[in-house]
Every structure is written in structure tokens, then in C-alpha cells.
N, C-alpha and C. Protein backbone atom coordinates (compact mmCIF):
# COMPACT_ATOMS: atom_id res chain seq x y z
N UNK A 1 1.14 -1.01 -0.45
CA UNK A 1 0.10 -0.35 -0.23
C UNK A 1 0.83 1.74 -0.01
N UNK A 2 0.26 2.39 -0.72
CA UNK A 2 0.75 4.31 -1.01
C UNK A 2 1.07 3.99 -0.28
N UNK A 3 1.81 5.04 1.27
CA UNK A 3 1.25 6.18 1.75
C UNK A 3 1.78 7.51 2.07
N UNK A 4 1.50 8.74 1.54
CA UNK A 4 1.35 9.69 0.82
C UNK A 4 1.25 10.39 2.37
N UNK A 5 2.77 11.04 3.03
CA UNK A 5 2.85 11.85 3.98
C UNK A 5 2.15 13.41 3.48
N UNK A 6 0.67 14.11 4.12
CA UNK A 6 0.13 15.42 3.75
C UNK A 6 0.93 15.92 5.26
N UNK A 7 1.79 17.40 4.90
CA UNK A 7 1.64 18.08 5.60
C UNK A 7 0.78 19.00 5.97
N UNK A 8 0.21 19.57 6.94
CA UNK A 8 -0.23 21.18 7.33
C UNK A 8 -0.31 21.96 6.47
N UNK A 9 -1.21 23.18 5.78
CA UNK A 9 -1.31 23.56 4.45
C UNK A 9 -0.66 23.50 3.07
N UNK A 10 -0.16 21.59 3.29
CA UNK A 10 0.30 21.18 1.65
C UNK A 10 -1.31 21.39 0.91
N UNK A 11 -0.99 22.11 -0.80
CA UNK A 11 -2.17 21.64 -0.99
C UNK A 11 -3.00 20.41 -1.64
N UNK A 12 -3.78 19.79 -1.96
CA UNK A 12 -3.85 18.98 -2.66
C UNK A 12 -3.87 18.58 -4.49
N UNK A 13 -3.53 19.07 -4.75
CA UNK A 13 -1.81 19.27 -5.94
C UNK A 13 -1.16 18.20 -5.91
N UNK A 14 -0.92 18.81 -4.61
CA UNK A 14 0.63 18.88 -4.21
C UNK A 14 0.70 17.05 -3.41
N UNK A 15 0.02 16.93 -3.05
CA UNK A 15 -0.24 15.62 -2.16
C UNK A 15 -0.87 14.29 -3.70
N UNK A 16 -1.09 14.90 -4.12
CA UNK A 16 -1.56 14.01 -5.29
C UNK A 16 -0.34 14.06 -6.39
N UNK A 17 0.25 15.22 -6.38
CA UNK A 17 1.60 14.77 -7.26
C UNK A 17 2.08 13.53 -6.43
N UNK A 18 2.56 13.67 -5.43
CA UNK A 18 3.82 13.12 -4.97
C UNK A 18 3.17 11.18 -4.58
N UNK A 19 2.23 10.82 -4.59
CA UNK A 19 1.12 9.94 -4.80
C UNK A 19 1.16 9.47 -6.09
N UNK A 20 1.22 10.34 -7.28
CA UNK A 20 1.47 9.92 -8.68
C UNK A 20 3.15 9.58 -8.65
N UNK A 21 3.80 9.86 -8.27
CA UNK A 21 5.51 9.84 -8.31
C UNK A 21 5.49 8.45 -7.86
N UNK A 22 4.73 8.52 -6.52
CA UNK A 22 4.78 6.92 -6.02
C UNK A 22 4.30 4.89 -7.15
N UNK A 23 3.86 5.79 -7.20
CA UNK A 23 2.92 4.52 -8.01
C UNK A 23 3.90 4.99 -8.99
N UNK A 24 3.68 5.62 -9.54
CA UNK A 24 5.27 5.43 -10.87
C UNK A 24 6.25 4.69 -10.62
N UNK A 25 6.97 5.14 -9.39
CA UNK A 25 8.45 4.48 -8.82
C UNK A 25 8.23 2.98 -8.15
N UNK A 26 7.23 3.12 -8.15
CA UNK A 26 6.44 1.65 -7.30
C UNK A 26 5.94 0.33 -8.73
N UNK A 27 5.78 1.35 -9.48
CA UNK A 27 5.77 -0.17 -11.11
C UNK A 27 3.96 -0.58 -10.81
N UNK A 28 2.70 -0.20 -10.41
CA UNK A 28 1.21 0.05 -9.58
C UNK A 28 0.83 -0.04 -10.57
N UNK A 29 0.76 0.42 -11.79
CA UNK A 29 -0.18 1.08 -12.98
C UNK A 29 0.47 -0.60 -13.48
N UNK A 30 1.58 -0.77 -14.03
CA UNK A 30 3.20 -1.50 -14.70
C UNK A 30 2.05 -2.89 -14.25
N UNK A 31 1.65 -3.27 -13.43
CA UNK A 31 1.83 -4.66 -12.39
C UNK A 31 0.26 -4.52 -12.81
N UNK A 32 -0.61 -4.31 -12.75
CA UNK A 32 -2.33 -4.22 -12.55
C UNK A 32 -1.99 -4.62 -14.39
N UNK A 33 -1.49 -4.09 -14.54
CA UNK A 33 -1.67 -3.84 -16.63
C UNK A 33 -1.60 -5.59 -16.85
N UNK A 34 -0.20 -5.73 -16.07
CA UNK A 34 0.37 -7.04 -16.64
C UNK A 34 -0.23 -8.42 -15.54
N UNK A 35 -0.94 -8.57 -15.07
CA UNK A 35 -1.71 -8.74 -14.03
C UNK A 35 -3.47 -9.07 -14.70
N UNK A 36 -3.77 -8.28 -15.47
CA UNK A 36 -5.43 -7.86 -16.39
C UNK A 36 -5.46 -9.74 -16.60
N UNK A 37 -4.81 -9.92 -17.27
CA UNK A 37 -4.92 -11.54 -18.56
C UNK A 37 -4.02 -12.58 -18.18
N UNK A 38 -4.26 -13.04 -18.00
CA UNK A 38 -3.34 -14.31 -17.79
C UNK A 38 -3.17 -15.36 -18.90
N UNK A 39 -0.96 -15.09 -18.53
CA UNK A 39 -0.85 -15.50 -19.61
C UNK A 39 0.06 -16.45 -19.22
N UNK A 40 -0.60 -17.70 -19.99
CA UNK A 40 0.56 -19.08 -19.67
C UNK A 40 1.94 -19.10 -19.74
N UNK A 41 2.75 -19.80 -19.30
CA UNK A 41 4.34 -19.17 -19.08
C UNK A 41 4.47 -19.54 -20.10
N UNK A 42 4.22 -21.31 -20.57
CA UNK A 42 4.93 -21.57 -22.06
C UNK A 42 4.45 -20.51 -22.87
N UNK A 43 3.41 -19.76 -23.36
CA UNK A 43 3.10 -18.60 -23.90
C UNK A 43 4.09 -17.86 -23.58
N UNK A 44 4.09 -17.72 -22.10
CA UNK A 44 4.87 -15.92 -22.36
C UNK A 44 6.91 -16.19 -22.77
N UNK A 45 7.09 -17.27 -22.48
CA UNK A 45 8.40 -17.59 -23.71
C UNK A 45 8.83 -17.70 -24.69
N UNK A 46 7.07 -18.37 -25.05
CA UNK A 46 7.45 -18.31 -26.61
C UNK A 46 7.49 -16.41 -27.30
N UNK A 47 6.87 -15.92 -26.86
CA UNK A 47 6.65 -14.08 -26.71
C UNK A 47 7.53 -13.73 -26.99
N UNK A 48 8.74 -13.84 -25.98
CA UNK A 48 9.99 -13.67 -25.11
C UNK A 48 10.95 -13.73 -26.46
N UNK A 49 10.90 -15.11 -27.04
CA UNK A 49 11.35 -15.73 -28.04
C UNK A 49 11.65 -15.14 -28.99
N UNK A 50 10.37 -14.83 -29.67
CA UNK A 50 9.83 -14.21 -30.87
C UNK A 50 10.45 -12.70 -31.04
N UNK A 51 10.09 -12.13 -30.00
CA UNK A 51 10.67 -10.23 -29.69
C UNK A 51 12.44 -10.79 -29.83
N UNK A 52 12.91 -12.04 -28.76
CA UNK A 52 14.58 -11.80 -29.24
C UNK A 52 14.93 -12.03 -30.71
N UNK A 53 14.07 -12.62 -31.63
CA UNK A 53 14.42 -12.83 -32.66
C UNK A 53 14.46 -11.56 -33.41
N UNK A 54 13.16 -11.10 -33.17
CA UNK A 54 12.61 -10.14 -33.97
C UNK A 54 14.33 -8.58 -34.02
N UNK A 55 13.83 -8.60 -32.66
CA UNK A 55 15.19 -7.92 -32.76
C UNK A 55 16.66 -8.06 -32.91
N UNK A 56 16.57 -9.48 -33.31
CA UNK A 56 17.88 -9.33 -33.24
C UNK A 56 18.02 -9.65 -35.36
N UNK A 57 17.10 -9.67 -36.16
CA UNK A 57 16.90 -9.08 -36.82
C UNK A 57 16.86 -7.59 -37.73
N UNK A 58 16.52 -7.00 -36.89
CA UNK A 58 15.97 -5.36 -36.91
C UNK A 58 17.92 -5.19 -36.82
N UNK A 59 19.09 -6.02 -35.35
CA UNK A 59 19.89 -5.51 -34.86
C UNK A 59 20.53 -5.83 -36.30
N UNK A 60 20.85 -6.97 -37.28
CA UNK A 60 21.67 -7.31 -38.05
C UNK A 60 21.07 -6.22 -39.66
N UNK A 61 19.48 -5.98 -39.77
CA UNK A 61 19.75 -4.97 -41.18
C UNK A 61 20.10 -3.73 -40.94
N UNK A 62 20.22 -3.75 -39.21
CA UNK A 62 20.89 -2.24 -39.03
C UNK A 62 22.29 -1.80 -39.62
N UNK A 63 22.52 -2.90 -39.90
CA UNK A 63 24.47 -3.24 -39.71
C UNK A 63 24.81 -3.10 -41.15
């Protein structure tokens, strides 16, 4: 859980900015999006392999 300390007299905009910064650093939204849909481990490995092949092809074409 993310806790934001708000000082007396601090504006709500400032507190919201602190909250957004903390959520970005913690990677909360990234994690939520990742967990939104279940991906089987075998499919995830296959996708990683295909991405690596694609990157390697692009790297070789650039040279």
C-alpha cells in the first residue's frame, strides 16, 4: 500500500503529485496491467523468444 504524508497547509495538488510519483516508482500500474490477463508460462516464453528473434533481425539489418 502506498502512503503519502501530507503536511499541514499542503495543497491537494501537491499531495496528488506525490502519490502519482510514488505509484510510478513502485510500478503499480504496470503490475496491474500485467496481471489483467493471464498468460500461460509457455506462451510467455514463446513471446520472449519471438521478441528476441525480431530484435536480432532488426539489429542485423541496421548494420
